[in-house]
């Protein structure tokens, strides 16, 4: 049996280019979220999710349930997390130019929001291994660099934790102009909020 359906891509907010799929056909409407991260009120601003002044009738939702668990009873908003990281990075990097931060990001994508905001707020570009994956994202390219002489790093190494234990960044930096670096590591992770439920 054949049926014509309309497929609408809605922004998922997970990482650049991430989408949710809205399927509409004679037998109803289905929303498939995949990984998504929407702030309160964002869905209300998605015109394509609405019909006139009301939300479209959706019969089925296929929801990514990574954090649909009682132990994740509170996950702070993206803004709250950014403000906490920003405060920590600002206080550390202001101590001297030899005080650097390593953002221990386990995935290749999904941290762009953090990189852009840290760079804009502090005027410091974020060191990454390569710019290739950001070539089609010009709004991000301005905030990242392959120059290791910066105070914020998101560079990666196959054994990042081993590198860091030796007071060495994954890119190999240990000092600048002969002065040893003072490194702190920040590991952005939603999982943390489930592991520390108290």
C-alpha atoms as a PDB file:
ATOM      1  CA  UNK A   1       0.000   0.000   0.000  1.00  0.00           C
ATOM      2  CA  UNK A   2       1.379   3.379  -1.027  1.00  0.00           C
ATOM      3  CA  UNK A   3       0.874   6.668   0.730  1.00  0.00           C
ATOM      4  CA  UNK A   4       2.201  10.147   0.086  1.00  0.00           C
ATOM      5  CA  UNK A   5       3.829  11.671   3.127  1.00  0.00           C
ATOM      6  CA  UNK A   6       5.355  15.047   3.814  1.00  0.00           C
ATOM      7  CA  UNK A   7       8.655  15.061   5.720  1.00  0.00           C
ATOM      8  CA  UNK A   8       9.695  18.222   7.541  1.00  0.00           C
ATOM      9  CA  UNK A   9      13.131  18.669   9.113  1.00  0.00           C
ATOM     10  CA  UNK A  10      13.064  20.599  12.378  1.00  0.00           C
ATOM     11  CA  UNK A  11      16.177  21.875  14.195  1.00  0.00           C
ATOM     12  CA  UNK A  12      17.163  19.491  16.996  1.00  0.00           C
ATOM     13  CA  UNK A  13      19.655  21.808  18.710  1.00  0.00           C
ATOM     14  CA  UNK A  14      21.996  18.884  19.409  1.00  0.00           C
ATOM     15  CA  UNK A  15      24.883  19.935  17.167  1.00  0.00           C
ATOM     16  CA  UNK A  16      25.104  21.920  13.902  1.00  0.00           C
ATOM     17  CA  UNK A  17      22.908  20.290  11.270  1.00  0.00           C
ATOM     18  CA  UNK A  18      21.073  17.984  13.691  1.00  0.00           C
ATOM     19  CA  UNK A  19      17.386  17.563  12.915  1.00  0.00           C
ATOM     20  CA  UNK A  20      14.163  15.983  14.106  1.00  0.00           C
ATOM     21  CA  UNK A  21      11.845  14.455  11.494  1.00  0.00           C
ATOM     22  CA  UNK A  22       8.146  15.290  11.326  1.00  0.00           C
ATOM     23  CA  UNK A  23       6.258  12.813   9.106  1.00  0.00           C
ATOM     24  CA  UNK A  24       2.736  13.793   7.987  1.00  0.00           C
ATOM     25  CA  UNK A  25       0.414  11.599   5.957  1.00  0.00           C
ATOM     26  CA  UNK A  26      -3.143  10.299   5.640  1.00  0.00           C
ATOM     27  CA  UNK A  27      -2.649   8.000   8.639  1.00  0.00           C
ATOM     28  CA  UNK A  28      -1.441  10.736  10.976  1.00  0.00           C
ATOM     29  CA  UNK A  29       1.609  12.654  12.110  1.00  0.00           C
ATOM     30  CA  UNK A  30       4.766  11.227  13.660  1.00  0.00           C
ATOM     31  CA  UNK A  31       7.701  13.060  15.263  1.00  0.00           C
ATOM     32  CA  UNK A  32      11.080  11.304  15.414  1.00  0.00           C
ATOM     33  CA  UNK A  33      13.437  13.259  17.660  1.00  0.00           C
ATOM     34  CA  UNK A  34      16.777  11.450  17.591  1.00  0.00           C
ATOM     35  CA  UNK A  35      19.277  13.267  19.826  1.00  0.00           C
ATOM     36  CA  UNK A  36      17.906  16.718  20.597  1.00  0.00           C
ATOM     37  CA  UNK A  37      18.430  19.567  23.011  1.00  0.00           C
ATOM     38  CA  UNK A  38      15.800  22.269  23.086  1.00  0.00           C
ATOM     39  CA  UNK A  39      15.501  25.012  25.656  1.00  0.00           C
ATOM     40  CA  UNK A  40      12.126  25.820  27.175  1.00  0.00           C
ATOM     41  CA  UNK A  41      10.014  27.694  24.642  1.00  0.00           C
ATOM     42  CA  UNK A  42      12.042  26.721  21.558  1.00  0.00           C
ATOM     43  CA  UNK A  43       9.426  24.269  20.259  1.00  0.00           C
ATOM     44  CA  UNK A  44       6.786  26.978  20.595  1.00  0.00           C
ATOM     45  CA  UNK A  45       8.786  29.116  18.155  1.00  0.00           C
ATOM     46  CA  UNK A  46       9.010  26.391  15.477  1.00  0.00           C
ATOM     47  CA  UNK A  47       6.472  27.512  12.895  1.00  0.00           C
ATOM     48  CA  UNK A  48       6.632  24.217  10.991  1.00  0.00           C
ATOM     49  CA  UNK A  49       5.483  22.358  14.120  1.00  0.00           C
ATOM     50  CA  UNK A  50       2.303  24.430  14.198  1.00  0.00           C
ATOM     51  CA  UNK A  51      -0.873  24.646  12.169  1.00  0.00           C
ATOM     52  CA  UNK A  52      -2.249  28.127  12.506  1.00  0.00           C
ATOM     53  CA  UNK A  53      -2.106  29.089  16.164  1.00  0.00           C
ATOM     54  CA  UNK A  54      -1.880  25.568  17.608  1.00  0.00           C
ATOM     55  CA  UNK A  55       0.608  22.702  17.679  1.00  0.00           C
ATOM     56  CA  UNK A  56      -0.052  20.053  15.040  1.00  0.00           C
ATOM     57  CA  UNK A  57      -1.785  16.890  16.236  1.00  0.00           C
ATOM     58  CA  UNK A  58       0.953  14.299  16.636  1.00  0.00           C
ATOM     59  CA  UNK A  59      -0.175  10.682  17.004  1.00  0.00           C
ATOM     60  CA  UNK A  60       3.232   9.141  17.741  1.00  0.00           C
ATOM     61  CA  UNK A  61       6.536  10.407  19.060  1.00  0.00           C
ATOM     62  CA  UNK A  62       9.729   8.380  18.766  1.00  0.00           C
ATOM     63  CA  UNK A  63      11.765   9.986  21.520  1.00  0.00           C
ATOM     64  CA  UNK A  64      15.465   9.701  22.243  1.00  0.00           C
ATOM     65  CA  UNK A  65      15.439   8.486  25.849  1.00  0.00           C
ATOM     66  CA  UNK A  66      19.093   8.703  26.877  1.00  0.00           C
ATOM     67  CA  UNK A  67      18.175  10.806  29.909  1.00  0.00           C
ATOM     68  CA  UNK A  68      14.653   9.501  30.498  1.00  0.00           C
ATOM     69  CA  UNK A  69      15.642   8.019  33.835  1.00  0.00           C
ATOM     70  CA  UNK A  70      14.724   9.126  37.390  1.00  0.00           C
ATOM     71  CA  UNK A  71      18.387   9.613  38.271  1.00  0.00           C
ATOM     72  CA  UNK A  72      18.505  12.521  35.804  1.00  0.00           C
ATOM     73  CA  UNK A  73      15.841  14.391  37.750  1.00  0.00           C
ATOM     74  CA  UNK A  74      17.663  17.697  37.232  1.00  0.00           C
ATOM     75  CA  UNK A  75      19.767  18.656  34.248  1.00  0.00           C
ATOM     76  CA  UNK A  76      20.654  22.360  34.238  1.00  0.00           C
ATOM     77  CA  UNK A  77      19.864  24.417  31.155  1.00  0.00           C
ATOM     78  CA  UNK A  78      22.514  24.957  28.520  1.00  0.00           C
ATOM     79  CA  UNK A  79      22.749  28.584  29.680  1.00  0.00           C
ATOM     80  CA  UNK A  80      23.325  27.596  33.327  1.00  0.00           C
ATOM     81  CA  UNK A  81      26.084  25.184  32.274  1.00  0.00           C
ATOM     82  CA  UNK A  82      27.703  27.784  30.026  1.00  0.00           C
ATOM     83  CA  UNK A  83      27.677  30.392  32.803  1.00  0.00           C
ATOM     84  CA  UNK A  84      29.325  27.964  35.243  1.00  0.00           C
ATOM     85  CA  UNK A  85      32.055  27.017  32.767  1.00  0.00           C
ATOM     86  CA  UNK A  86      32.531  30.648  31.732  1.00  0.00           C
ATOM     87  CA  UNK A  87      33.035  31.743  35.333  1.00  0.00           C
ATOM     88  CA  UNK A  88      35.591  28.985  35.948  1.00  0.00           C
ATOM     89  CA  UNK A  89      37.508  29.602  32.701  1.00  0.00           C
ATOM     90  CA  UNK A  90      37.530  33.386  33.194  1.00  0.00           C
ATOM     91  CA  UNK A  91      38.855  33.135  36.757  1.00  0.00           C
ATOM     92  CA  UNK A  92      41.560  30.619  35.750  1.00  0.00           C
ATOM     93  CA  UNK A  93      42.812  32.272  32.543  1.00  0.00           C
ATOM     94  CA  UNK A  94      42.932  35.708  34.195  1.00  0.00           C
ATOM     95  CA  UNK A  95      45.623  34.480  36.652  1.00  0.00           C
ATOM     96  CA  UNK A  96      48.336  34.577  33.957  1.00  0.00           C
ATOM     97  CA  UNK A  97      48.816  33.734  30.287  1.00  0.00           C
ATOM     98  CA  UNK A  98      50.339  30.423  31.418  1.00  0.00           C
ATOM     99  CA  UNK A  99      47.060  29.320  33.017  1.00  0.00           C
ATOM    100  CA  UNK A 100      45.283  27.262  30.365  1.00  0.00           C
ATOM    101  CA  UNK A 101      42.107  25.231  30.187  1.00  0.00           C
ATOM    102  CA  UNK A 102      41.628  21.896  28.462  1.00  0.00           C
ATOM    103  CA  UNK A 103      38.049  21.117  27.454  1.00  0.00           C
ATOM    104  CA  UNK A 104      38.002  17.320  27.555  1.00  0.00           C
ATOM    105  CA  UNK A 105      35.352  16.809  24.873  1.00  0.00           C
ATOM    106  CA  UNK A 106      34.838  13.121  24.098  1.00  0.00           C
ATOM    107  CA  UNK A 107      32.773  13.561  20.913  1.00  0.00           C
ATOM    108  CA  UNK A 108      33.855  15.345  17.740  1.00  0.00           C
ATOM    109  CA  UNK A 109      30.681  17.415  17.457  1.00  0.00           C
ATOM    110  CA  UNK A 110      28.205  18.974  19.852  1.00  0.00           C
ATOM    111  CA  UNK A 111      30.415  21.451  21.715  1.00  0.00           C
ATOM    112  CA  UNK A 112      30.253  24.264  19.160  1.00  0.00           C
ATOM    113  CA  UNK A 113      27.893  26.312  21.342  1.00  0.00           C
ATOM    114  CA  UNK A 114      30.465  26.192  24.144  1.00  0.00           C
ATOM    115  CA  UNK A 115      33.421  27.087  21.891  1.00  0.00           C
ATOM    116  CA  UNK A 116      31.607  30.056  20.324  1.00  0.00           C
ATOM    117  CA  UNK A 117      30.394  31.482  23.615  1.00  0.00           C
ATOM    118  CA  UNK A 118      33.729  31.106  25.433  1.00  0.00           C
ATOM    119  CA  UNK A 119      35.533  32.738  22.519  1.00  0.00           C
ATOM    120  CA  UNK A 120      33.043  35.610  22.284  1.00  0.00           C
ATOM    121  CA  UNK A 121      32.935  36.293  26.025  1.00  0.00           C
ATOM    122  CA  UNK A 122      36.674  35.971  26.725  1.00  0.00           C
ATOM    123  CA  UNK A 123      38.189  36.963  23.381  1.00  0.00           C
ATOM    124  CA  UNK A 124      40.191  33.715  23.318  1.00  0.00           C
ATOM    125  CA  UNK A 125      40.064  31.292  20.393  1.00  0.00           C
ATOM    126  CA  UNK A 126      39.751  27.568  21.145  1.00  0.00           C
ATOM    127  CA  UNK A 127      42.568  25.289  19.952  1.00  0.00           C
ATOM    128  CA  UNK A 128      41.397  22.252  17.956  1.00  0.00           C
ATOM    129  CA  UNK A 129      43.440  19.642  16.079  1.00  0.00           C
ATOM    130  CA  UNK A 130      41.990  20.368  12.644  1.00  0.00           C
ATOM    131  CA  UNK A 131      39.606  22.863  11.095  1.00  0.00           C
ATOM    132  CA  UNK A 132      38.314  20.431   8.422  1.00  0.00           C
ATOM    133  CA  UNK A 133      35.088  19.528  10.188  1.00  0.00           C
ATOM    134  CA  UNK A 134      34.200  23.189  10.680  1.00  0.00           C
ATOM    135  CA  UNK A 135      34.786  24.277   7.056  1.00  0.00           C
ATOM    136  CA  UNK A 136      31.053  24.346   6.307  1.00  0.00           C
ATOM    137  CA  UNK A 137      30.262  26.213   9.524  1.00  0.00           C
ATOM    138  CA  UNK A 138      31.735  29.700   8.997  1.00  0.00           C
ATOM    139  CA  UNK A 139      30.112  31.047  12.176  1.00  0.00           C
ATOM    140  CA  UNK A 140      32.290  28.620  14.168  1.00  0.00           C
ATOM    141  CA  UNK A 141      35.525  28.958  12.189  1.00  0.00           C
ATOM    142  CA  UNK A 142      36.194  32.423  13.611  1.00  0.00           C
ATOM    143  CA  UNK A 143      36.247  31.032  17.163  1.00  0.00           C
ATOM    144  CA  UNK A 144      38.563  28.026  16.717  1.00  0.00           C
ATOM    145  CA  UNK A 145      42.217  27.846  15.786  1.00  0.00           C
ATOM    146  CA  UNK A 146      45.005  25.359  15.103  1.00  0.00           C
ATOM    147  CA  UNK A 147      47.485  27.707  16.819  1.00  0.00           C
ATOM    148  CA  UNK A 148      48.493  25.952  20.063  1.00  0.00           C
ATOM    149  CA  UNK A 149      49.481  29.235  21.757  1.00  0.00           C
ATOM    150  CA  UNK A 150      46.065  29.989  23.223  1.00  0.00           C
ATOM    151  CA  UNK A 151      44.624  29.568  26.703  1.00  0.00           C
ATOM    152  CA  UNK A 152      41.666  27.364  25.802  1.00  0.00           C
ATOM    153  CA  UNK A 153      42.227  23.941  24.258  1.00  0.00           C
ATOM    154  CA  UNK A 154      39.808  21.352  22.932  1.00  0.00           C
ATOM    155  CA  UNK A 155      42.525  19.378  21.168  1.00  0.00           C
ATOM    156  CA  UNK A 156      42.270  15.623  21.292  1.00  0.00           C
ATOM    157  CA  UNK A 157      44.583  12.632  21.577  1.00  0.00           C
ATOM    158  CA  UNK A 158      43.731   8.908  21.498  1.00  0.00           C
ATOM    159  CA  UNK A 159      44.724   8.676  25.182  1.00  0.00           C
ATOM    160  CA  UNK A 160      43.735  12.152  26.409  1.00  0.00           C
ATOM    161  CA  UNK A 161      43.687  11.269  30.109  1.00  0.00           C
ATOM    162  CA  UNK A 162      47.227   9.846  29.977  1.00  0.00           C
ATOM    163  CA  UNK A 163      48.495  13.030  28.342  1.00  0.00           C
ATOM    164  CA  UNK A 164      46.830  15.273  30.865  1.00  0.00           C
ATOM    165  CA  UNK A 165      48.222  13.391  33.850  1.00  0.00           C
ATOM    166  CA  UNK A 166      51.711  14.433  32.782  1.00  0.00           C
ATOM    167  CA  UNK A 167      50.669  18.123  32.933  1.00  0.00           C
ATOM    168  CA  UNK A 168      50.721  18.057  29.164  1.00  0.00           C
ATOM    169  CA  UNK A 169      47.924  19.040  26.809  1.00  0.00           C
ATOM    170  CA  UNK A 170      46.847  16.469  24.199  1.00  0.00           C
ATOM    171  CA  UNK A 171      48.553  18.600  21.518  1.00  0.00           C
ATOM    172  CA  UNK A 172      51.864  18.123  23.389  1.00  0.00           C
ATOM    173  CA  UNK A 173      52.158  21.624  24.887  1.00  0.00           C
ATOM    174  CA  UNK A 174      53.774  21.703  28.329  1.00  0.00           C
ATOM    175  CA  UNK A 175      55.143  25.243  28.436  1.00  0.00           C
ATOM    176  CA  UNK A 176      55.346  28.586  26.635  1.00  0.00           C
ATOM    177  CA  UNK A 177      58.603  30.523  26.381  1.00  0.00           C
ATOM    178  CA  UNK A 178      60.110  28.034  28.835  1.00  0.00           C
ATOM    179  CA  UNK A 179      57.440  28.704  31.474  1.00  0.00           C
ATOM    180  CA  UNK A 180      55.467  25.621  32.564  1.00  0.00           C
ATOM    181  CA  UNK A 181      51.732  25.711  31.950  1.00  0.00           C
ATOM    182  CA  UNK A 182      49.166  25.474  34.733  1.00  0.00           C
ATOM    183  CA  UNK A 183      46.391  23.307  33.278  1.00  0.00           C
ATOM    184  CA  UNK A 184      42.889  22.587  34.479  1.00  0.00           C
ATOM    185  CA  UNK A 185      40.600  20.115  32.755  1.00  0.00           C
ATOM    186  CA  UNK A 186      36.872  20.603  32.248  1.00  0.00           C
ATOM    187  CA  UNK A 187      34.877  17.631  31.023  1.00  0.00           C
ATOM    188  CA  UNK A 188      31.508  18.815  29.654  1.00  0.00           C
ATOM    189  CA  UNK A 189      29.158  15.888  30.298  1.00  0.00           C
ATOM    190  CA  UNK A 190      25.445  15.571  30.941  1.00  0.00           C
ATOM    191  CA  UNK A 191      26.100  12.096  32.401  1.00  0.00           C
ATOM    192  CA  UNK A 192      27.653  13.818  35.450  1.00  0.00           C
ATOM    193  CA  UNK A 193      24.198  14.899  36.634  1.00  0.00           C
ATOM    194  CA  UNK A 194      22.997  11.290  36.777  1.00  0.00           C
ATOM    195  CA  UNK A 195      26.093   9.967  38.491  1.00  0.00           C
ATOM    196  CA  UNK A 196      25.846  12.542  41.297  1.00  0.00           C
ATOM    197  CA  UNK A 197      22.154  12.476  42.144  1.00  0.00           C
ATOM    198  CA  UNK A 198      22.635  13.854  45.666  1.00  0.00           C
END
